[in-house]
Amino acid sequence: MTEKTGTVHWEGNGSQGRGAISTETSALDQHPYGFGSRFEGRTDGTNPEELLAAAHAACLTMAFAFACEKAGFTPTAVDTQCRARLTKVEGGFLIDRLALTLKATVPGLDPGQFQSIAQKVKRDCPLSKALASVPEITLEAALL
């Protein structure tokens, strides 16, 4: 089993305060985030949805590579994007959609096998399972 740690330090109220996000590996080290980078499109910091999208894309990509290996294939390139949509709902906000796009080059893998593997990892990667309460999770997968 593995356990990873992320930490946040915040100062101030929700709309004007600022936070700093750090990870155990220092991939993020006091990286800024706040209202502007979450709700106003500012690029001077990150936000939880962006981090969630990156984590989901990373998890799906690695799961795809392992699934290909298990099926006897080696991807030469896999590029994955995830878009996380935060929507205002009565009483607050909701991440209501995660839209994944996977593009891969896998020599010898036929399109049917590719789609089967891609859809299986979309369903079974650990972050997909953890995010199962999101109302809509889509995957557009293309074999290059």
C-alpha atoms as a PDB file:
ATOM      1  CA  MET A   1       0.000   0.000   0.000  1.00  0.00           C
ATOM      2  CA  THR A   2       1.040   3.564  -0.567  1.00  0.00           C
ATOM      3  CA  GLU A   3      -0.077   6.806   0.992  1.00  0.00           C
ATOM      4  CA  LYS A   4       0.809  10.257  -0.338  1.00  0.00           C
ATOM      5  CA  THR A   5       0.439  13.640   1.326  1.00  0.00           C
ATOM      6  CA  GLY A   6      -0.586  17.069   0.142  1.00  0.00           C
ATOM      7  CA  THR A   7      -0.782  20.102   2.419  1.00  0.00           C
ATOM      8  CA  VAL A   8      -2.262  23.591   2.236  1.00  0.00           C
ATOM      9  CA  HIS A   9      -1.661  26.727   4.261  1.00  0.00           C
ATOM     10  CA  TRP A  10      -4.344  29.433   3.939  1.00  0.00           C
ATOM     11  CA  GLU A  11      -4.531  32.986   5.257  1.00  0.00           C
ATOM     12  CA  GLY A  12      -7.574  35.255   5.083  1.00  0.00           C
ATOM     13  CA  ASN A  13     -11.181  34.892   4.031  1.00  0.00           C
ATOM     14  CA  GLY A  14     -12.439  32.925   1.022  1.00  0.00           C
ATOM     15  CA  SER A  15     -12.644  35.697  -1.559  1.00  0.00           C
ATOM     16  CA  GLN A  16      -9.512  37.666  -0.683  1.00  0.00           C
ATOM     17  CA  GLY A  17      -7.331  35.157   1.136  1.00  0.00           C
ATOM     18  CA  ARG A  18      -4.440  33.249  -0.376  1.00  0.00           C
ATOM     19  CA  GLY A  19      -3.283  29.711  -0.026  1.00  0.00           C
ATOM     20  CA  ALA A  20      -0.161  27.716  -0.762  1.00  0.00           C
ATOM     21  CA  ILE A  21      -0.236  24.070  -1.814  1.00  0.00           C
ATOM     22  CA  SER A  22       2.639  21.661  -1.226  1.00  0.00           C
ATOM     23  CA  THR A  23       3.148  17.995  -1.974  1.00  0.00           C
ATOM     24  CA  GLU A  24       5.225  15.401  -0.207  1.00  0.00           C
ATOM     25  CA  THR A  25       7.571  15.100  -3.198  1.00  0.00           C
ATOM     26  CA  SER A  26       7.899  18.899  -3.541  1.00  0.00           C
ATOM     27  CA  ALA A  27       6.427  18.738  -7.055  1.00  0.00           C
ATOM     28  CA  LEU A  28       4.391  21.603  -5.658  1.00  0.00           C
ATOM     29  CA  ASP A  29       6.206  23.614  -3.019  1.00  0.00           C
ATOM     30  CA  GLN A  30       4.173  26.461  -1.571  1.00  0.00           C
ATOM     31  CA  HIS A  31       2.449  26.876  -4.949  1.00  0.00           C
ATOM     32  CA  PRO A  32      -0.103  29.710  -4.715  1.00  0.00           C
ATOM     33  CA  TYR A  33      -3.841  29.438  -5.170  1.00  0.00           C
ATOM     34  CA  GLY A  34      -6.823  31.553  -4.317  1.00  0.00           C
ATOM     35  CA  PHE A  35     -10.154  32.945  -5.465  1.00  0.00           C
ATOM     36  CA  GLY A  36      -8.699  34.555  -8.599  1.00  0.00           C
ATOM     37  CA  SER A  37      -7.036  31.387  -9.888  1.00  0.00           C
ATOM     38  CA  ARG A  38     -10.123  29.328  -9.113  1.00  0.00           C
ATOM     39  CA  PHE A  39     -13.006  31.532 -10.198  1.00  0.00           C
ATOM     40  CA  GLU A  40     -11.630  34.446 -12.224  1.00  0.00           C
ATOM     41  CA  GLY A  41      -9.314  32.694 -14.672  1.00  0.00           C
ATOM     42  CA  ARG A  42      -6.157  34.234 -13.259  1.00  0.00           C
ATOM     43  CA  THR A  43      -2.993  32.297 -13.990  1.00  0.00           C
ATOM     44  CA  ASP A  44      -0.926  33.366 -10.980  1.00  0.00           C
ATOM     45  CA  GLY A  45      -1.831  30.194  -9.111  1.00  0.00           C
ATOM     46  CA  THR A  46      -3.472  26.829  -9.421  1.00  0.00           C
ATOM     47  CA  ASN A  47      -6.842  25.534  -8.223  1.00  0.00           C
ATOM     48  CA  PRO A  48      -8.296  22.261  -6.949  1.00  0.00           C
ATOM     49  CA  GLU A  49     -10.073  21.460 -10.223  1.00  0.00           C
ATOM     50  CA  GLU A  50      -6.885  21.839 -12.272  1.00  0.00           C
ATOM     51  CA  LEU A  51      -5.009  19.588  -9.857  1.00  0.00           C
ATOM     52  CA  LEU A  52      -7.820  17.030  -9.894  1.00  0.00           C
ATOM     53  CA  ALA A  53      -7.854  17.038 -13.704  1.00  0.00           C
ATOM     54  CA  ALA A  54      -4.077  16.553 -13.878  1.00  0.00           C
ATOM     55  CA  ALA A  55      -4.217  13.747 -11.321  1.00  0.00           C
ATOM     56  CA  HIS A  56      -7.033  11.970 -13.166  1.00  0.00           C
ATOM     57  CA  ALA A  57      -5.194  12.251 -16.495  1.00  0.00           C
ATOM     58  CA  ALA A  58      -2.005  10.895 -14.897  1.00  0.00           C
ATOM     59  CA  CYS A  59      -3.808   7.985 -13.264  1.00  0.00           C
ATOM     60  CA  LEU A  60      -5.675   7.027 -16.438  1.00  0.00           C
ATOM     61  CA  THR A  61      -2.495   7.229 -18.529  1.00  0.00           C
ATOM     62  CA  MET A  62      -0.533   4.967 -16.211  1.00  0.00           C
ATOM     63  CA  ALA A  63      -3.441   2.512 -15.964  1.00  0.00           C
ATOM     64  CA  PHE A  64      -3.618   2.453 -19.771  1.00  0.00           C
ATOM     65  CA  ALA A  65       0.107   1.705 -20.032  1.00  0.00           C
ATOM     66  CA  PHE A  66      -0.205  -1.155 -17.525  1.00  0.00           C
ATOM     67  CA  ALA A  67      -3.274  -2.551 -19.329  1.00  0.00           C
ATOM     68  CA  CYS A  68      -1.440  -2.469 -22.658  1.00  0.00           C
ATOM     69  CA  GLU A  69       1.527  -4.233 -21.080  1.00  0.00           C
ATOM     70  CA  LYS A  70      -0.770  -6.923 -19.664  1.00  0.00           C
ATOM     71  CA  ALA A  71      -2.255  -7.415 -23.155  1.00  0.00           C
ATOM     72  CA  GLY A  72       1.243  -7.762 -24.645  1.00  0.00           C
ATOM     73  CA  PHE A  73       1.632  -4.293 -26.168  1.00  0.00           C
ATOM     74  CA  THR A  74       3.957  -1.365 -25.453  1.00  0.00           C
ATOM     75  CA  PRO A  75       2.711   2.169 -26.085  1.00  0.00           C
ATOM     76  CA  THR A  76       5.280   4.444 -27.689  1.00  0.00           C
ATOM     77  CA  ALA A  77       3.322   7.578 -26.729  1.00  0.00           C
ATOM     78  CA  VAL A  78       0.238   8.338 -24.652  1.00  0.00           C
ATOM     79  CA  ASP A  79      -1.128  11.857 -24.236  1.00  0.00           C
ATOM     80  CA  THR A  80      -4.090  12.426 -21.940  1.00  0.00           C
ATOM     81  CA  GLN A  81      -6.040  15.537 -21.059  1.00  0.00           C
ATOM     82  CA  CYS A  82      -8.782  15.883 -18.462  1.00  0.00           C
ATOM     83  CA  ARG A  83     -11.089  18.868 -18.155  1.00  0.00           C
ATOM     84  CA  ALA A  84     -12.847  19.233 -14.789  1.00  0.00           C
ATOM     85  CA  ARG A  85     -15.938  21.445 -14.839  1.00  0.00           C
ATOM     86  CA  LEU A  86     -16.965  23.270 -11.674  1.00  0.00           C
ATOM     87  CA  THR A  87     -20.597  24.385 -11.772  1.00  0.00           C
ATOM     88  CA  LYS A  88     -22.526  26.641  -9.407  1.00  0.00           C
ATOM     89  CA  VAL A  89     -25.519  24.821  -7.968  1.00  0.00           C
ATOM     90  CA  GLU A  90     -28.015  25.671  -5.282  1.00  0.00           C
ATOM     91  CA  GLY A  91     -26.100  25.767  -2.028  1.00  0.00           C
ATOM     92  CA  GLY A  92     -22.587  25.872  -3.509  1.00  0.00           C
ATOM     93  CA  PHE A  93     -20.528  24.296  -6.253  1.00  0.00           C
ATOM     94  CA  LEU A  94     -20.251  20.862  -7.863  1.00  0.00           C
ATOM     95  CA  ILE A  95     -17.727  19.203 -10.129  1.00  0.00           C
ATOM     96  CA  ASP A  96     -20.310  17.880 -12.563  1.00  0.00           C
ATOM     97  CA  ARG A  97     -18.136  16.694 -15.446  1.00  0.00           C
ATOM     98  CA  LEU A  98     -14.724  15.185 -16.071  1.00  0.00           C
ATOM     99  CA  ALA A  99     -13.955  14.993 -19.778  1.00  0.00           C
ATOM    100  CA  LEU A 100     -10.946  12.815 -20.612  1.00  0.00           C
ATOM    101  CA  THR A 101      -9.196  12.679 -23.979  1.00  0.00           C
ATOM    102  CA  LEU A 102      -6.589   9.982 -24.578  1.00  0.00           C
ATOM    103  CA  LYS A 103      -4.456   9.753 -27.710  1.00  0.00           C
ATOM    104  CA  ALA A 104      -2.026   6.877 -27.997  1.00  0.00           C
ATOM    105  CA  THR A 105       0.378   5.213 -30.364  1.00  0.00           C
ATOM    106  CA  VAL A 106       0.511   1.496 -29.627  1.00  0.00           C
ATOM    107  CA  PRO A 107       2.196  -0.607 -32.332  1.00  0.00           C
ATOM    108  CA  GLY A 108       0.264  -3.792 -33.144  1.00  0.00           C
ATOM    109  CA  LEU A 109      -2.847  -2.908 -31.154  1.00  0.00           C
ATOM    110  CA  ASP A 110      -5.994  -2.956 -33.260  1.00  0.00           C
ATOM    111  CA  PRO A 111      -8.673  -0.264 -32.857  1.00  0.00           C
ATOM    112  CA  GLY A 112     -11.178  -2.608 -31.192  1.00  0.00           C
ATOM    113  CA  GLN A 113      -8.689  -3.772 -28.561  1.00  0.00           C
ATOM    114  CA  PHE A 114      -7.598  -0.195 -28.045  1.00  0.00           C
ATOM    115  CA  GLN A 115     -11.138   1.031 -27.341  1.00  0.00           C
ATOM    116  CA  SER A 116     -11.787  -1.915 -25.040  1.00  0.00           C
ATOM    117  CA  ILE A 117      -8.638  -1.222 -23.004  1.00  0.00           C
ATOM    118  CA  ALA A 118      -9.304   2.535 -22.908  1.00  0.00           C
ATOM    119  CA  GLN A 119     -12.883   2.134 -21.665  1.00  0.00           C
ATOM    120  CA  LYS A 120     -11.824  -0.448 -19.072  1.00  0.00           C
ATOM    121  CA  VAL A 121      -9.142   1.811 -17.614  1.00  0.00           C
ATOM    122  CA  LYS A 122     -11.572   4.760 -17.605  1.00  0.00           C
ATOM    123  CA  ARG A 123     -13.837   2.655 -15.398  1.00  0.00           C
ATOM    124  CA  ASP A 124     -11.153   0.980 -13.290  1.00  0.00           C
ATOM    125  CA  CYS A 125      -8.283   3.412 -12.668  1.00  0.00           C
ATOM    126  CA  PRO A 126      -8.106   4.337  -8.966  1.00  0.00           C
ATOM    127  CA  LEU A 127      -9.039   7.986  -9.504  1.00  0.00           C
ATOM    128  CA  SER A 128     -12.021   7.094 -11.709  1.00  0.00           C
ATOM    129  CA  LYS A 129     -13.244   4.866  -8.907  1.00  0.00           C
ATOM    130  CA  ALA A 130     -12.636   7.581  -6.310  1.00  0.00           C
ATOM    131  CA  LEU A 131     -14.482  10.122  -8.476  1.00  0.00           C
ATOM    132  CA  ALA A 132     -17.467   7.890  -9.226  1.00  0.00           C
ATOM    133  CA  SER A 133     -19.846  10.432  -7.656  1.00  0.00           C
ATOM    134  CA  VAL A 134     -19.126  12.905 -10.472  1.00  0.00           C
ATOM    135  CA  PRO A 135     -22.322  12.848 -12.579  1.00  0.00           C
ATOM    136  CA  GLU A 136     -20.542  12.699 -15.950  1.00  0.00           C
ATOM    137  CA  ILE A 137     -17.166  11.166 -16.757  1.00  0.00           C
ATOM    138  CA  THR A 138     -16.442  10.848 -20.468  1.00  0.00           C
ATOM    139  CA  LEU A 139     -13.532   9.465 -22.453  1.00  0.00           C
ATOM    140  CA  GLU A 140     -12.685  10.235 -26.045  1.00  0.00           C
ATOM    141  CA  ALA A 141      -9.936   7.813 -27.059  1.00  0.00           C
ATOM    142  CA  ALA A 142      -7.994   7.860 -30.342  1.00  0.00           C
ATOM    143  CA  LEU A 143      -5.443   5.322 -31.525  1.00  0.00           C
ATOM    144  CA  LEU A 144      -2.850   7.154 -33.595  1.00  0.00           C
END
